[in-house]
Amino acid sequence: MNIRKSVIKGIRWTSFSTIYSAVIQVLIVYILTKYLTKTEFGQMAILLVVMNFSQILVDTGISKIILVFENLSPIQFSTLYWLNFIIGFLIYIILFLLSGFLGDFYNDSYLPYYIKIISISFLFIPIGYIYKFLAQKTLDFNIIAIFEIIARTIFFFSTILILIFYGGIWSLIIPNILFYLILTLLFFSYGFKKNPILFKFSFNSILKEMTFGSYTLFESIITFFYNQIDSIIIGKFLGLDVLGGYDVIKRLVLRPLYFINPIITKVNFPLLNKFKDDSLNYKRIYLFTIKSISLISAPIYVIIYIFSDTIVYYYLGAEWTDYSTILRYLTIYAFLRIIRNPIGPLLFAKHKANLSFNWNLIFFVLVSIVCFVLGQYNLLYLVIGLILLEVIIIYPFWKLLINKVSIIKFGEYISSFGLNLILSILSMSLIILPYKYYYHDVNIYMVILFFLVVYIVFLRLFNNEMFNLISKSLKG
């Protein structure tokens, strides 16, 4: 199998749906910021924290079991399916009972009602959940892409309609429920024909697999909390209105993380799993993944950093301009995070979920300390603290994780993303400085156009591997 050909084929199928989803969500945020208050965005931020954490519990490591273990028997597959259903129902009951406590914690009387409504999703998500990862395992990226585009389109139009007729936070809640409903029904209709479910349940048949799954579950829980602890603390100490503003900016700057990484990792995890016993190809796949991610994310974050004031003013509105500094600093934080993100597949393919769990537990403690100490003062202190922490852990991250499961050297790891970052910064510097000197008033569109041209030229001169990736992707 040609590694690059497999990667490019997978990227091509998933790129369109991912970019489509990104555009839809950017449009929705642009529209909703004109009608919703920061407090309503803060309420939705808490709802998403609750939903995303509950989704991890519903998964229980089942998705990783499907992706990693070969030749699951029909009884094992059915047991995993029904287990997912049982947990989904239990999560709904737990959220229903805890909704009042969460409302009191954030001093918001409406929050319990919203939680009870949105948690209904967990009663039907398990219907097709397991089939999504089965499609990913069999590299059916065209099916995944089509289903996600359909669900995201319904999400967009339902958001607009509900905003027109009802307004408020319901234009965020109801479309999310519809999105999950449509997506799960589509995957069920696709997967049930190939892998029908038996009315049998044998937990003993999946004990070995669930041992691995339990590690991935706990690792996912810890990862979730270190990703969301900033929002949890800001909402508690600084208020839901501040959280609403921060959450919108954070989601804007982390959009490449949410959408570029899935394009790559959906493809590279099955490949890493197939080549886990081939050290050289295992190394090549991971480094190629990091290079591909930095190829796209580095220029994006350089552009956002330079034009943060303009982006906030025109995209979110004049009342959001106080957050432009936060956006600028978050670009640095986001780039460092997006480079670390693909470590999961590298470890899980080697069945080293315990390494990921131990690392994320330590990192969660460090992030919690930073957020708790600095989050009580202001957002800028918190963001700067997170940046410094990301820089400090670069070497330990390689030493304790990457070096344990691969033959990748520290210099190779740094150069895999460092070269594209340097070329992006150099390209922007060569354009923006002369442009400001001669024209004073910067035309953002012309600068970005010239920047991309220079960036591609530099890739051709100094990073031919990534230049060829762009060429092959465009040629199809």
Protein backbone atom coordinates (compact mmCIF):
# COMPACT_ATOMS: atom_id res chain seq x y z
CA MET A 1 0.00 0.00 0.00
CA ASN A 2 1.27 3.48 -0.91
CA ILE A 3 1.08 5.48 2.32
CA ARG A 4 0.84 8.90 0.72
CA LYS A 5 -1.79 7.72 -1.76
CA SER A 6 -3.92 6.32 1.07
CA VAL A 7 -3.55 9.51 3.09
CA ILE A 8 -4.35 11.81 0.15
CA LYS A 9 -7.38 9.71 -0.84
CA GLY A 10 -8.77 9.88 2.69
CA ILE A 11 -8.03 13.59 2.98
CA ARG A 12 -9.82 14.27 -0.30
CA TRP A 13 -13.02 12.54 0.85
CA THR A 14 -13.10 14.11 4.30
CA SER A 15 -11.80 17.57 3.39
CA PHE A 16 -14.93 18.69 1.59
CA SER A 17 -17.31 17.73 4.40
CA THR A 18 -15.00 19.20 7.02
CA ILE A 19 -14.54 22.49 5.19
CA TYR A 20 -18.28 22.58 4.50
CA SER A 21 -18.99 22.10 8.21
CA ALA A 22 -16.46 24.79 9.10
CA VAL A 23 -18.07 27.29 6.73
CA ILE A 24 -21.54 26.47 8.09
CA GLN A 25 -20.47 26.98 11.68
CA VAL A 26 -18.60 30.20 10.89
CA LEU A 27 -21.75 31.55 9.19
CA ILE A 28 -23.91 30.53 12.13
CA VAL A 29 -21.66 32.25 14.67
CA TYR A 30 -21.55 35.36 12.48
CA ILE A 31 -25.37 35.45 12.36
CA LEU A 32 -26.03 34.55 15.98
CA THR A 33 -23.61 37.13 17.41
CA LYS A 34 -25.92 39.78 15.95
CA TYR A 35 -28.96 38.48 17.86
CA LEU A 36 -27.80 36.56 20.94
CA THR A 37 -26.27 38.01 24.09
CA LYS A 38 -22.93 36.97 25.53
CA THR A 39 -24.83 35.44 28.47
CA GLU A 40 -26.77 33.18 26.07
CA PHE A 41 -23.49 32.12 24.47
CA GLY A 42 -22.21 31.45 27.99
CA GLN A 43 -25.24 29.26 28.73
CA MET A 44 -24.65 27.32 25.52
CA ALA A 45 -20.97 26.95 26.40
CA ILE A 46 -21.94 25.22 29.63
CA LEU A 47 -24.49 23.05 27.79
CA LEU A 48 -21.79 21.97 25.34
CA VAL A 49 -19.41 21.19 28.20
CA VAL A 50 -22.11 18.97 29.73
CA MET A 51 -22.96 17.35 26.37
CA ASN A 52 -19.36 16.69 25.35
CA PHE A 53 -18.49 15.17 28.71
CA SER A 54 -21.59 12.99 28.63
CA GLN A 55 -20.70 11.90 25.09
CA ILE A 56 -17.37 10.60 26.40
CA LEU A 57 -19.17 8.59 29.08
CA VAL A 58 -21.60 7.18 26.54
CA ASP A 59 -18.68 6.12 24.34
CA THR A 60 -16.99 4.22 27.22
CA GLY A 61 -14.03 3.51 24.94
CA ILE A 62 -16.29 1.62 22.49
CA SER A 63 -15.22 3.71 19.48
CA LYS A 64 -11.54 2.87 20.08
CA ILE A 65 -12.40 -0.82 20.51
CA ILE A 66 -14.11 -0.82 17.11
CA LEU A 67 -11.15 0.89 15.46
CA VAL A 68 -8.35 -1.10 17.10
CA PHE A 69 -9.58 -4.69 17.46
CA GLU A 70 -9.87 -6.83 14.37
CA ASN A 71 -12.41 -9.61 13.78
CA LEU A 72 -14.94 -8.82 16.49
CA SER A 73 -17.54 -11.58 16.60
CA PRO A 74 -21.25 -10.81 15.98
CA ILE A 75 -21.93 -11.39 19.70
CA GLN A 76 -19.12 -9.02 20.71
CA PHE A 77 -20.31 -6.38 18.25
CA SER A 78 -23.91 -6.66 19.46
CA THR A 79 -22.83 -6.52 23.09
CA LEU A 80 -20.94 -3.30 22.45
CA TYR A 81 -24.01 -1.89 20.69
CA TRP A 82 -26.43 -2.66 23.54
CA LEU A 83 -23.91 -1.53 26.15
CA ASN A 84 -23.77 1.83 24.35
CA PHE A 85 -27.58 2.01 24.53
CA ILE A 86 -27.71 1.21 28.25
CA ILE A 87 -25.09 3.82 29.10
CA GLY A 88 -26.84 6.43 26.96
CA PHE A 89 -30.08 5.92 28.92
CA LEU A 90 -28.24 6.11 32.27
CA ILE A 91 -26.50 9.33 31.23
CA TYR A 92 -29.86 10.90 30.38
CA ILE A 93 -31.23 10.02 33.83
CA ILE A 94 -28.12 11.35 35.58
CA LEU A 95 -28.20 14.65 33.69
CA PHE A 96 -31.90 15.03 34.43
CA LEU A 97 -31.22 14.61 38.15
CA LEU A 98 -28.11 16.80 38.26
CA SER A 99 -29.51 19.67 36.19
CA GLY A 100 -30.66 21.57 39.29
CA PHE A 101 -27.22 21.37 40.90
CA LEU A 102 -25.55 22.72 37.75
CA GLY A 103 -28.02 25.60 37.65
CA ASP A 104 -27.19 26.49 41.26
CA PHE A 105 -23.43 26.15 40.63
CA TYR A 106 -23.56 28.77 37.86
CA ASN A 107 -26.35 30.78 39.50
CA ASP A 108 -28.61 30.44 36.44
CA SER A 109 -32.25 29.43 36.90
CA TYR A 110 -32.78 28.61 33.19
CA LEU A 111 -29.84 26.23 32.85
CA PRO A 112 -31.55 23.14 34.43
CA TYR A 113 -34.41 23.31 31.92
CA TYR A 114 -32.02 23.63 28.97
CA ILE A 115 -29.97 20.67 30.21
CA LYS A 116 -33.06 18.46 30.49
CA ILE A 117 -34.03 19.28 26.90
CA ILE A 118 -30.66 18.88 25.20
CA SER A 119 -29.82 15.66 27.08
CA ILE A 120 -32.69 13.92 25.25
CA SER A 121 -30.07 13.38 22.53
CA PHE A 122 -28.53 10.55 24.54
CA LEU A 123 -31.68 8.47 24.18
CA PHE A 124 -31.16 8.12 20.42
CA ILE A 125 -27.44 8.77 19.74
CA PRO A 126 -26.52 5.08 20.41
CA ILE A 127 -28.79 3.96 17.54
CA GLY A 128 -26.08 4.62 14.96
CA TYR A 129 -23.06 5.66 17.02
CA ILE A 130 -21.09 2.45 16.68
CA TYR A 131 -21.61 2.31 12.91
CA LYS A 132 -19.85 5.64 12.40
CA PHE A 133 -16.57 4.19 13.65
CA LEU A 134 -17.11 0.99 11.71
CA ALA A 135 -17.24 3.13 8.55
CA GLN A 136 -14.05 4.89 9.63
CA LYS A 137 -12.31 1.58 10.24
CA THR A 138 -13.19 0.30 6.78
CA LEU A 139 -11.98 3.61 5.26
CA ASP A 140 -15.46 4.47 3.91
CA PHE A 141 -14.71 8.18 4.11
CA ASN A 142 -17.11 8.99 1.28
CA ILE A 143 -20.03 7.66 3.34
CA ILE A 144 -18.94 9.60 6.43
CA ALA A 145 -18.53 12.79 4.38
CA ILE A 146 -21.95 12.57 2.72
CA PHE A 147 -23.77 11.88 5.99
CA GLU A 148 -22.03 14.73 7.80
CA ILE A 149 -22.85 17.17 4.99
CA ILE A 150 -26.55 16.18 5.10
CA ALA A 151 -26.74 16.54 8.88
CA ARG A 152 -24.82 19.83 8.90
CA THR A 153 -27.10 21.29 6.19
CA ILE A 154 -30.20 20.47 8.24
CA PHE A 155 -28.44 21.95 11.26
CA PHE A 156 -27.85 25.23 9.42
CA PHE A 157 -31.38 25.73 8.08
CA SER A 158 -33.01 24.69 11.35
CA THR A 159 -30.83 27.25 13.16
CA ILE A 160 -32.04 30.03 10.85
CA LEU A 161 -35.69 29.00 11.09
CA ILE A 162 -35.69 28.73 14.87
CA LEU A 163 -33.84 32.04 15.16
CA ILE A 164 -36.57 33.69 13.05
CA PHE A 165 -39.60 32.17 14.79
CA TYR A 166 -38.37 31.66 18.36
CA GLY A 167 -35.00 33.36 18.80
CA GLY A 168 -32.73 33.13 21.81
CA ILE A 169 -30.77 30.13 22.92
CA TRP A 170 -33.30 27.74 21.33
CA SER A 171 -31.62 28.50 18.00
CA LEU A 172 -28.58 26.74 19.45
CA ILE A 173 -30.23 23.91 21.38
CA ILE A 174 -32.80 22.47 18.95
CA PRO A 175 -30.48 22.36 15.89
CA ASN A 176 -27.90 20.43 17.92
CA ILE A 177 -30.53 17.82 18.81
CA LEU A 178 -31.60 17.56 15.15
CA PHE A 179 -28.00 17.24 14.01
CA TYR A 180 -27.34 14.22 16.24
CA LEU A 181 -30.69 12.65 15.33
CA ILE A 182 -30.15 12.87 11.57
CA LEU A 183 -26.54 11.72 11.77
CA THR A 184 -27.26 8.69 13.94
CA LEU A 185 -30.18 7.55 11.76
CA LEU A 186 -28.06 7.83 8.60
CA PHE A 187 -25.23 5.75 10.06
CA PHE A 188 -27.69 3.16 11.35
CA SER A 189 -29.30 2.79 7.92
CA TYR A 190 -25.85 2.35 6.39
CA GLY A 191 -24.29 0.03 8.96
CA PHE A 192 -27.17 -2.25 9.92
CA LYS A 193 -27.25 -3.82 6.45
CA LYS A 194 -23.59 -4.86 6.73
CA ASN A 195 -23.50 -5.67 10.44
CA PRO A 196 -26.96 -6.46 11.82
CA ILE A 197 -27.43 -6.36 15.57
CA LEU A 198 -28.27 -9.53 17.48
CA PHE A 199 -30.60 -9.49 20.47
CA LYS A 200 -27.82 -10.95 22.59
CA PHE A 201 -25.67 -9.52 25.35
CA SER A 202 -22.54 -11.16 26.75
CA PHE A 203 -20.31 -8.87 28.77
CA ASN A 204 -17.83 -11.71 29.34
CA SER A 205 -17.17 -11.79 25.60
CA ILE A 206 -15.79 -8.24 25.64
CA LEU A 207 -13.87 -8.21 28.95
CA LYS A 208 -10.48 -8.02 27.24
CA GLU A 209 -11.60 -5.28 24.88
CA MET A 210 -13.26 -3.28 27.66
CA THR A 211 -10.01 -3.33 29.66
CA PHE A 212 -8.42 -1.44 26.79
CA GLY A 213 -11.57 0.65 26.42
CA SER A 214 -11.53 1.64 30.08
CA TYR A 215 -8.07 3.16 29.66
CA THR A 216 -9.27 5.16 26.66
CA LEU A 217 -12.38 6.22 28.62
CA PHE A 218 -10.43 7.56 31.58
CA GLU A 219 -7.91 9.14 29.24
CA SER A 220 -10.73 10.85 27.35
CA ILE A 221 -12.28 12.11 30.59
CA ILE A 222 -9.01 13.64 31.73
CA THR A 223 -8.39 15.11 28.25
CA PHE A 224 -11.87 16.60 28.30
CA PHE A 225 -11.37 18.31 31.64
CA TYR A 226 -8.00 19.82 30.78
CA ASN A 227 -9.56 21.11 27.53
CA GLN A 228 -12.61 22.55 29.30
CA ILE A 229 -11.35 23.53 32.75
CA ASP A 230 -10.79 27.10 31.54
CA SER A 231 -14.45 27.44 30.54
CA ILE A 232 -15.65 25.82 33.77
CA ILE A 233 -13.59 28.18 35.94
CA ILE A 234 -14.34 31.32 33.90
CA GLY A 235 -18.07 30.60 34.03
CA LYS A 236 -17.89 30.20 37.80
CA PHE A 237 -15.61 33.10 38.77
CA LEU A 238 -16.01 35.66 35.98
CA GLY A 239 -19.65 34.99 35.02
CA LEU A 240 -21.55 33.53 32.08
CA ASP A 241 -21.37 36.77 30.09
CA VAL A 242 -17.54 36.74 30.18
CA LEU A 243 -17.58 33.02 29.43
CA GLY A 244 -19.86 33.67 26.45
CA GLY A 245 -17.39 36.13 24.94
CA TYR A 246 -14.40 33.91 25.67
CA ASP A 247 -16.11 30.80 24.32
CA VAL A 248 -16.97 32.44 20.99
CA ILE A 249 -13.38 33.67 20.56
CA LYS A 250 -11.93 30.34 21.67
CA ARG A 251 -14.09 28.38 19.26
CA LEU A 252 -13.16 30.76 16.46
CA VAL A 253 -9.43 30.36 16.99
CA LEU A 254 -9.66 26.61 17.64
CA ARG A 255 -11.71 26.04 14.50
CA PRO A 256 -8.65 24.68 12.65
CA LEU A 257 -8.12 22.23 15.54
CA TYR A 258 -11.74 21.07 15.34
CA PHE A 259 -11.73 20.70 11.56
CA ILE A 260 -8.19 20.25 10.21
CA ASN A 261 -7.23 17.57 12.70
CA PRO A 262 -10.26 15.31 12.05
CA ILE A 263 -9.45 15.36 8.33
CA ILE A 264 -6.01 13.97 9.08
CA THR A 265 -6.66 11.77 12.12
CA LYS A 266 -9.68 10.00 10.61
CA VAL A 267 -7.28 8.76 7.96
CA ASN A 268 -4.05 8.24 9.87
CA PHE A 269 -5.45 6.16 12.75
CA PRO A 270 -6.45 3.20 10.53
CA LEU A 271 -3.09 3.53 8.75
CA LEU A 272 -1.09 3.64 11.98
CA ASN A 273 -3.01 0.60 13.17
CA LYS A 274 -2.09 -1.29 10.01
CA PHE A 275 1.62 -0.35 10.21
CA LYS A 276 2.07 -0.54 13.99
CA ASP A 277 4.66 -3.33 13.60
CA ASP A 278 6.60 -1.46 10.89
CA SER A 279 8.70 1.10 12.77
CA LEU A 280 9.86 3.05 9.73
CA ASN A 281 6.43 3.45 8.13
CA TYR A 282 4.92 4.10 11.57
CA LYS A 283 7.34 7.00 11.96
CA ARG A 284 6.70 8.31 8.45
CA ILE A 285 2.91 8.29 8.87
CA TYR A 286 3.00 10.26 12.13
CA LEU A 287 5.54 12.82 10.91
CA PHE A 288 3.59 13.21 7.67
CA THR A 289 0.48 13.85 9.77
CA ILE A 290 2.17 16.62 11.76
CA LYS A 291 3.62 18.16 8.61
CA SER A 292 0.21 18.12 6.91
CA ILE A 293 -1.49 19.76 9.89
CA SER A 294 1.14 22.49 10.24
CA LEU A 295 1.09 23.05 6.48
CA ILE A 296 -2.49 24.34 6.78
CA SER A 297 -2.70 25.61 10.35
CA ALA A 298 0.52 27.67 10.43
CA PRO A 299 -0.51 30.17 7.70
CA ILE A 300 -4.07 30.32 9.07
CA TYR A 301 -2.89 31.28 12.55
CA VAL A 302 -0.36 33.79 11.23
CA ILE A 303 -3.18 35.50 9.31
CA ILE A 304 -5.48 35.51 12.37
CA TYR A 305 -2.68 36.88 14.58
CA ILE A 306 -1.89 39.78 12.24
CA PHE A 307 -5.52 40.71 11.52
CA SER A 308 -7.15 39.87 14.86
CA ASP A 309 -8.57 43.40 15.31
CA THR A 310 -10.11 43.40 11.86
CA ILE A 311 -11.51 39.87 12.21
CA VAL A 312 -13.21 40.62 15.53
CA TYR A 313 -14.65 43.93 14.34
CA TYR A 314 -16.13 42.72 11.06
CA TYR A 315 -16.96 39.16 12.01
CA LEU A 316 -18.35 39.58 15.53
CA GLY A 317 -19.14 43.29 15.70
CA ALA A 318 -17.93 46.46 17.40
CA GLU A 319 -19.16 45.34 20.84
CA TRP A 320 -16.71 42.41 20.72
CA THR A 321 -13.54 44.44 20.06
CA ASP A 322 -12.35 44.03 23.66
CA TYR A 323 -11.65 40.40 22.82
CA SER A 324 -9.25 41.06 19.90
CA THR A 325 -6.21 40.84 22.19
CA ILE A 326 -7.50 37.54 23.57
CA LEU A 327 -7.88 36.27 19.99
CA ARG A 328 -4.30 37.27 19.15
CA TYR A 329 -2.79 35.41 22.09
CA LEU A 330 -5.05 32.42 21.59
CA THR A 331 -3.60 31.88 18.10
CA ILE A 332 -0.26 30.98 19.69
CA TYR A 333 -1.94 28.66 22.18
CA ALA A 334 -4.08 27.06 19.48
CA PHE A 335 -1.14 26.28 17.17
CA LEU A 336 0.76 24.57 19.97
CA ARG A 337 -2.32 22.52 20.81
CA ILE A 338 -3.14 21.54 17.25
CA ILE A 339 0.34 20.05 16.82
CA ARG A 340 0.00 17.90 19.96
CA ASN A 341 -3.48 16.66 19.14
CA PRO A 342 -2.63 13.67 16.84
CA ILE A 343 -0.78 11.85 19.64
CA GLY A 344 -3.87 9.76 20.45
CA PRO A 345 -3.78 7.57 17.32
CA LEU A 346 -0.01 7.09 17.70
CA LEU A 347 -0.49 5.66 21.20
CA PHE A 348 -3.78 3.81 20.70
CA ALA A 349 -2.50 1.95 17.64
CA LYS A 350 0.21 0.49 19.91
CA HIS A 351 -2.38 -0.24 22.63
CA LYS A 352 -0.65 2.31 24.88
CA ALA A 353 -3.74 4.08 26.17
CA ASN A 354 -2.20 3.95 29.65
CA LEU A 355 0.60 6.31 28.53
CA SER A 356 -1.94 8.77 27.21
CA PHE A 357 -3.96 8.53 30.41
CA ASN A 358 -0.95 9.14 32.68
CA TRP A 359 0.20 12.11 30.60
CA ASN A 360 -3.22 13.71 30.44
CA LEU A 361 -3.71 13.24 34.17
CA ILE A 362 -0.48 15.12 34.90
CA PHE A 363 -1.26 17.77 32.31
CA PHE A 364 -4.80 18.18 33.65
CA VAL A 365 -3.39 18.97 37.11
CA LEU A 366 -1.01 21.56 35.64
CA VAL A 367 -3.71 23.19 33.49
CA SER A 368 -6.12 23.23 36.45
CA ILE A 369 -3.58 25.05 38.62
CA VAL A 370 -2.91 27.63 35.91
CA CYS A 371 -6.62 28.20 35.24
CA PHE A 372 -7.64 28.30 38.90
CA VAL A 373 -4.88 30.75 39.91
CA LEU A 374 -5.06 33.07 36.90
CA GLY A 375 -8.72 32.64 35.89
CA GLN A 376 -9.89 34.56 38.94
CA TYR A 377 -8.21 37.75 37.69
CA ASN A 378 -8.76 38.22 33.96
CA LEU A 379 -8.77 36.36 30.66
CA LEU A 380 -5.46 37.67 29.40
CA TYR A 381 -3.50 36.34 32.37
CA LEU A 382 -5.14 32.94 31.92
CA VAL A 383 -4.35 32.73 28.20
CA ILE A 384 -0.70 33.79 28.69
CA GLY A 385 -0.38 31.16 31.42
CA LEU A 386 -1.71 28.47 29.07
CA ILE A 387 0.76 29.51 26.35
CA LEU A 388 3.73 29.29 28.70
CA LEU A 389 2.60 25.86 29.87
CA GLU A 390 2.31 24.61 26.27
CA VAL A 391 5.86 25.78 25.51
CA ILE A 392 7.30 24.20 28.66
CA ILE A 393 5.83 20.76 27.97
CA ILE A 394 7.06 20.39 24.36
CA TYR A 395 10.14 18.35 25.30
CA PRO A 396 8.48 16.24 28.04
CA PHE A 397 5.64 15.53 25.58
CA TRP A 398 8.11 14.07 23.07
CA LYS A 399 10.21 12.26 25.69
CA LEU A 400 7.37 10.60 27.62
CA LEU A 401 5.01 9.82 24.74
CA ILE A 402 6.35 9.99 21.18
CA ASN A 403 9.76 8.56 22.08
CA LYS A 404 8.15 5.63 23.93
CA VAL A 405 6.28 4.22 20.92
CA SER A 406 8.32 5.32 17.91
CA ILE A 407 11.84 5.95 16.60
CA ILE A 408 11.11 9.65 16.03
CA LYS A 409 13.93 11.92 17.25
CA PHE A 410 13.21 15.22 19.01
CA GLY A 411 14.72 17.23 16.16
CA GLU A 412 12.57 15.40 13.63
CA TYR A 413 9.47 16.14 15.68
CA ILE A 414 10.27 19.87 15.99
CA SER A 415 11.14 20.24 12.30
CA SER A 416 7.91 18.48 11.27
CA PHE A 417 5.93 21.56 12.30
CA GLY A 418 8.64 24.17 12.84
CA LEU A 419 9.59 24.54 9.19
CA ASN A 420 6.05 25.38 8.03
CA LEU A 421 5.65 27.81 10.94
CA ILE A 422 8.91 29.61 10.10
CA LEU A 423 7.98 29.81 6.41
CA SER A 424 4.56 31.24 7.32
CA ILE A 425 6.01 33.92 9.61
CA LEU A 426 8.72 34.82 7.09
CA SER A 427 6.20 35.01 4.24
CA MET A 428 3.89 37.34 6.18
CA SER A 429 6.81 39.52 7.30
CA LEU A 430 8.02 39.98 3.73
CA ILE A 431 4.54 41.12 2.69
CA ILE A 432 3.06 43.04 5.62
CA LEU A 433 6.09 45.22 6.49
CA PRO A 434 6.69 46.69 2.99
CA TYR A 435 2.94 46.99 2.44
CA LYS A 436 2.49 49.03 5.63
CA TYR A 437 5.52 51.17 4.81
CA TYR A 438 4.36 52.13 1.31
CA TYR A 439 0.57 52.07 1.61
CA HIS A 440 -0.06 52.65 5.35
CA ASP A 441 -3.68 51.45 5.06
CA VAL A 442 -3.47 47.69 4.74
CA ASN A 443 -5.79 45.90 2.31
CA ILE A 444 -6.33 42.61 4.10
CA TYR A 445 -7.36 40.71 0.97
CA MET A 446 -4.33 41.77 -1.05
CA VAL A 447 -1.98 41.01 1.83
CA ILE A 448 -3.44 37.52 2.29
CA LEU A 449 -3.25 36.86 -1.46
CA PHE A 450 0.41 37.92 -1.70
CA PHE A 451 1.17 36.08 1.54
CA LEU A 452 -0.18 32.79 0.20
CA VAL A 453 1.74 33.17 -3.06
CA VAL A 454 5.02 33.78 -1.21
CA TYR A 455 4.23 30.92 1.21
CA ILE A 456 3.73 28.47 -1.67
CA VAL A 457 6.95 29.66 -3.34
CA PHE A 458 8.84 29.10 -0.08
CA LEU A 459 7.32 25.63 0.19
CA ARG A 460 8.57 24.85 -3.30
CA LEU A 461 12.06 26.04 -2.35
CA PHE A 462 12.42 24.71 1.21
CA ASN A 463 9.70 22.08 1.80
CA ASN A 464 9.20 20.19 -1.44
CA GLU A 465 7.38 17.29 0.26
CA MET A 466 4.51 19.54 1.37
CA PHE A 467 4.50 21.39 -1.97
CA ASN A 468 3.99 18.06 -3.73
CA LEU A 469 1.16 17.21 -1.33
CA ILE A 470 -0.65 20.41 -2.33
CA SER A 471 -0.03 19.74 -6.03
CA LYS A 472 -1.34 16.17 -5.88
CA SER A 473 -4.39 17.18 -3.85
CA LEU A 474 -5.31 19.92 -6.35
CA LYS A 475 -4.76 17.65 -9.35
CA GLY A 476 -6.98 14.94 -7.76
